[in-house]
Amino acid sequence: MTMQEVLELTNLPVWYFTPKGKKVPARYLVWYGNGQTAANADDTLYFRKNGYVVEYYYDKKDEEKEAAIEEVLLDNGYLFEKSEDVYIDDEGVYAIYYYVS
């Protein structure tokens, strides 16, 4: 599954990068690539894994929705680090950033 398909399992609107020019709902996800981890030796690539940033935007705190997002990521083999809640004054919304590997 692609990251887009995984995030669609949350039943939230999902965009790759910022949804410019679109009317956004009270809760939605934005994702983008964050580089790649690779392990190689002796001129051989043994392992590589893409990293992502998933941004969850919301107007009201919903810990159950956060838990559902995290469960979808974990169920699909992704590990992550989670940021604190961040208020974005210009947009009047909150955000949580997931650094996914």
C-alpha atoms as a PDB file:
ATOM      1  CA  MET A   1       0.000   0.000   0.000  1.00  0.00           C
ATOM      2  CA  THR A   2       1.130   3.542  -0.657  1.00  0.00           C
ATOM      3  CA  MET A   3       1.189   6.109   2.128  1.00  0.00           C
ATOM      4  CA  GLN A   4      -1.838   7.789   0.522  1.00  0.00           C
ATOM      5  CA  GLU A   5      -3.784   4.507   0.671  1.00  0.00           C
ATOM      6  CA  VAL A   6      -2.725   3.840   4.269  1.00  0.00           C
ATOM      7  CA  LEU A   7      -3.825   7.282   5.416  1.00  0.00           C
ATOM      8  CA  GLU A   8      -7.153   6.982   3.610  1.00  0.00           C
ATOM      9  CA  LEU A   9      -7.940   4.148   6.057  1.00  0.00           C
ATOM     10  CA  THR A  10      -8.363   6.853   8.731  1.00  0.00           C
ATOM     11  CA  ASN A  11     -11.513   8.105   6.953  1.00  0.00           C
ATOM     12  CA  LEU A  12     -10.098  11.635   7.009  1.00  0.00           C
ATOM     13  CA  PRO A  13      -9.475  13.764   3.920  1.00  0.00           C
ATOM     14  CA  VAL A  14      -5.853  13.215   2.816  1.00  0.00           C
ATOM     15  CA  TRP A  15      -3.626  15.403   0.625  1.00  0.00           C
ATOM     16  CA  TYR A  16      -0.097  15.098  -0.649  1.00  0.00           C
ATOM     17  CA  PHE A  17       1.397  18.434   0.418  1.00  0.00           C
ATOM     18  CA  THR A  18      -0.790  21.455   1.209  1.00  0.00           C
ATOM     19  CA  PRO A  19      -4.340  21.513  -0.190  1.00  0.00           C
ATOM     20  CA  LYS A  20      -3.970  24.931  -1.842  1.00  0.00           C
ATOM     21  CA  GLY A  21      -7.071  26.418  -3.342  1.00  0.00           C
ATOM     22  CA  LYS A  22      -9.331  23.793  -1.779  1.00  0.00           C
ATOM     23  CA  LYS A  23     -11.887  24.194   0.944  1.00  0.00           C
ATOM     24  CA  VAL A  24     -10.519  22.204   3.857  1.00  0.00           C
ATOM     25  CA  PRO A  25     -12.633  20.507   6.505  1.00  0.00           C
ATOM     26  CA  ALA A  26     -12.159  20.856  10.271  1.00  0.00           C
ATOM     27  CA  ARG A  27      -9.932  17.738  10.334  1.00  0.00           C
ATOM     28  CA  TYR A  28      -7.592  16.486   7.640  1.00  0.00           C
ATOM     29  CA  LEU A  29      -4.182  14.938   6.943  1.00  0.00           C
ATOM     30  CA  VAL A  30      -1.301  16.147   4.793  1.00  0.00           C
ATOM     31  CA  TRP A  31       1.699  13.969   3.988  1.00  0.00           C
ATOM     32  CA  TYR A  32       4.999  14.207   2.108  1.00  0.00           C
ATOM     33  CA  GLY A  33       8.280  12.351   1.784  1.00  0.00           C
ATOM     34  CA  ASN A  34      11.047  12.895   4.320  1.00  0.00           C
ATOM     35  CA  GLY A  35      14.032  11.157   2.721  1.00  0.00           C
ATOM     36  CA  GLN A  36      15.144   7.551   2.800  1.00  0.00           C
ATOM     37  CA  THR A  37      17.144   5.388   5.184  1.00  0.00           C
ATOM     38  CA  ALA A  38      19.477   2.880   3.563  1.00  0.00           C
ATOM     39  CA  ALA A  39      21.916   0.238   4.758  1.00  0.00           C
ATOM     40  CA  ASN A  40      24.635  -0.873   2.391  1.00  0.00           C
ATOM     41  CA  ALA A  41      28.036  -2.534   2.522  1.00  0.00           C
ATOM     42  CA  ASP A  42      30.428  -4.165   0.079  1.00  0.00           C
ATOM     43  CA  ASP A  43      28.789  -2.427  -2.876  1.00  0.00           C
ATOM     44  CA  THR A  44      25.418  -3.978  -2.027  1.00  0.00           C
ATOM     45  CA  LEU A  45      22.189  -2.310  -0.903  1.00  0.00           C
ATOM     46  CA  TYR A  46      20.722  -4.444   1.881  1.00  0.00           C
ATOM     47  CA  PHE A  47      17.887  -2.279   3.083  1.00  0.00           C
ATOM     48  CA  ARG A  48      16.073   0.948   2.286  1.00  0.00           C
ATOM     49  CA  LYS A  49      12.982   2.515   3.753  1.00  0.00           C
ATOM     50  CA  ASN A  50      11.214   5.747   2.884  1.00  0.00           C
ATOM     51  CA  GLY A  51      10.418   8.269   5.594  1.00  0.00           C
ATOM     52  CA  TYR A  52       7.373  10.531   5.687  1.00  0.00           C
ATOM     53  CA  VAL A  53       5.903  13.437   7.579  1.00  0.00           C
ATOM     54  CA  VAL A  54       2.183  13.187   8.278  1.00  0.00           C
ATOM     55  CA  GLU A  55       0.506  16.362   9.503  1.00  0.00           C
ATOM     56  CA  TYR A  56      -2.840  16.096  11.295  1.00  0.00           C
ATOM     57  CA  TYR A  57      -4.817  19.370  11.356  1.00  0.00           C
ATOM     58  CA  TYR A  58      -7.854  19.802  13.608  1.00  0.00           C
ATOM     59  CA  ASP A  59     -10.034  22.394  15.267  1.00  0.00           C
ATOM     60  CA  LYS A  60     -10.909  20.481  18.461  1.00  0.00           C
ATOM     61  CA  LYS A  61      -8.816  17.953  20.371  1.00  0.00           C
ATOM     62  CA  ASP A  62      -9.931  14.360  19.737  1.00  0.00           C
ATOM     63  CA  GLU A  63      -7.649  11.796  21.360  1.00  0.00           C
ATOM     64  CA  GLU A  64      -9.670   8.920  19.897  1.00  0.00           C
ATOM     65  CA  LYS A  65      -9.013  10.189  16.348  1.00  0.00           C
ATOM     66  CA  GLU A  66      -5.304  10.545  17.153  1.00  0.00           C
ATOM     67  CA  ALA A  67      -5.278   6.974  18.453  1.00  0.00           C
ATOM     68  CA  ALA A  68      -7.028   5.808  15.246  1.00  0.00           C
ATOM     69  CA  ILE A  69      -4.400   7.525  13.062  1.00  0.00           C
ATOM     70  CA  GLU A  70      -1.616   5.940  15.101  1.00  0.00           C
ATOM     71  CA  GLU A  71      -3.254   2.510  14.946  1.00  0.00           C
ATOM     72  CA  VAL A  72      -3.516   2.701  11.136  1.00  0.00           C
ATOM     73  CA  LEU A  73       0.182   3.561  10.887  1.00  0.00           C
ATOM     74  CA  LEU A  74       1.245   0.782  13.263  1.00  0.00           C
ATOM     75  CA  ASP A  75      -1.062  -1.810  11.678  1.00  0.00           C
ATOM     76  CA  ASN A  76       0.609  -1.115   8.328  1.00  0.00           C
ATOM     77  CA  GLY A  77       4.156  -1.534   9.620  1.00  0.00           C
ATOM     78  CA  TYR A  78       5.111   2.095  10.192  1.00  0.00           C
ATOM     79  CA  LEU A  79       6.855   3.434  13.284  1.00  0.00           C
ATOM     80  CA  PHE A  80       6.597   7.114  14.159  1.00  0.00           C
ATOM     81  CA  GLU A  81       7.511   9.901  16.506  1.00  0.00           C
ATOM     82  CA  LYS A  82       4.761  12.321  17.459  1.00  0.00           C
ATOM     83  CA  SER A  83       5.087  16.055  18.081  1.00  0.00           C
ATOM     84  CA  GLU A  84       3.337  18.124  20.672  1.00  0.00           C
ATOM     85  CA  ASP A  85       0.077  19.893  19.820  1.00  0.00           C
ATOM     86  CA  VAL A  86       0.905  23.053  17.871  1.00  0.00           C
ATOM     87  CA  TYR A  87      -1.491  25.978  17.456  1.00  0.00           C
ATOM     88  CA  ILE A  88      -1.236  27.763  14.093  1.00  0.00           C
ATOM     89  CA  ASP A  89      -2.539  31.239  14.790  1.00  0.00           C
ATOM     90  CA  ASP A  90      -2.784  32.384  11.142  1.00  0.00           C
ATOM     91  CA  GLU A  91      -5.108  29.514  10.288  1.00  0.00           C
ATOM     92  CA  GLY A  92      -6.868  29.099  13.623  1.00  0.00           C
ATOM     93  CA  VAL A  93      -6.164  25.361  13.759  1.00  0.00           C
ATOM     94  CA  TYR A  94      -4.017  22.922  15.695  1.00  0.00           C
ATOM     95  CA  ALA A  95      -1.528  20.456  14.217  1.00  0.00           C
ATOM     96  CA  ILE A  96       0.281  17.307  15.260  1.00  0.00           C
ATOM     97  CA  TYR A  97       3.266  16.139  13.227  1.00  0.00           C
ATOM     98  CA  TYR A  98       4.078  12.447  12.849  1.00  0.00           C
ATOM     99  CA  TYR A  99       7.611  11.601  11.687  1.00  0.00           C
ATOM    100  CA  VAL A 100       7.043   8.204  10.106  1.00  0.00           C
ATOM    101  CA  SER A 101       9.575   5.537   9.195  1.00  0.00           C
END
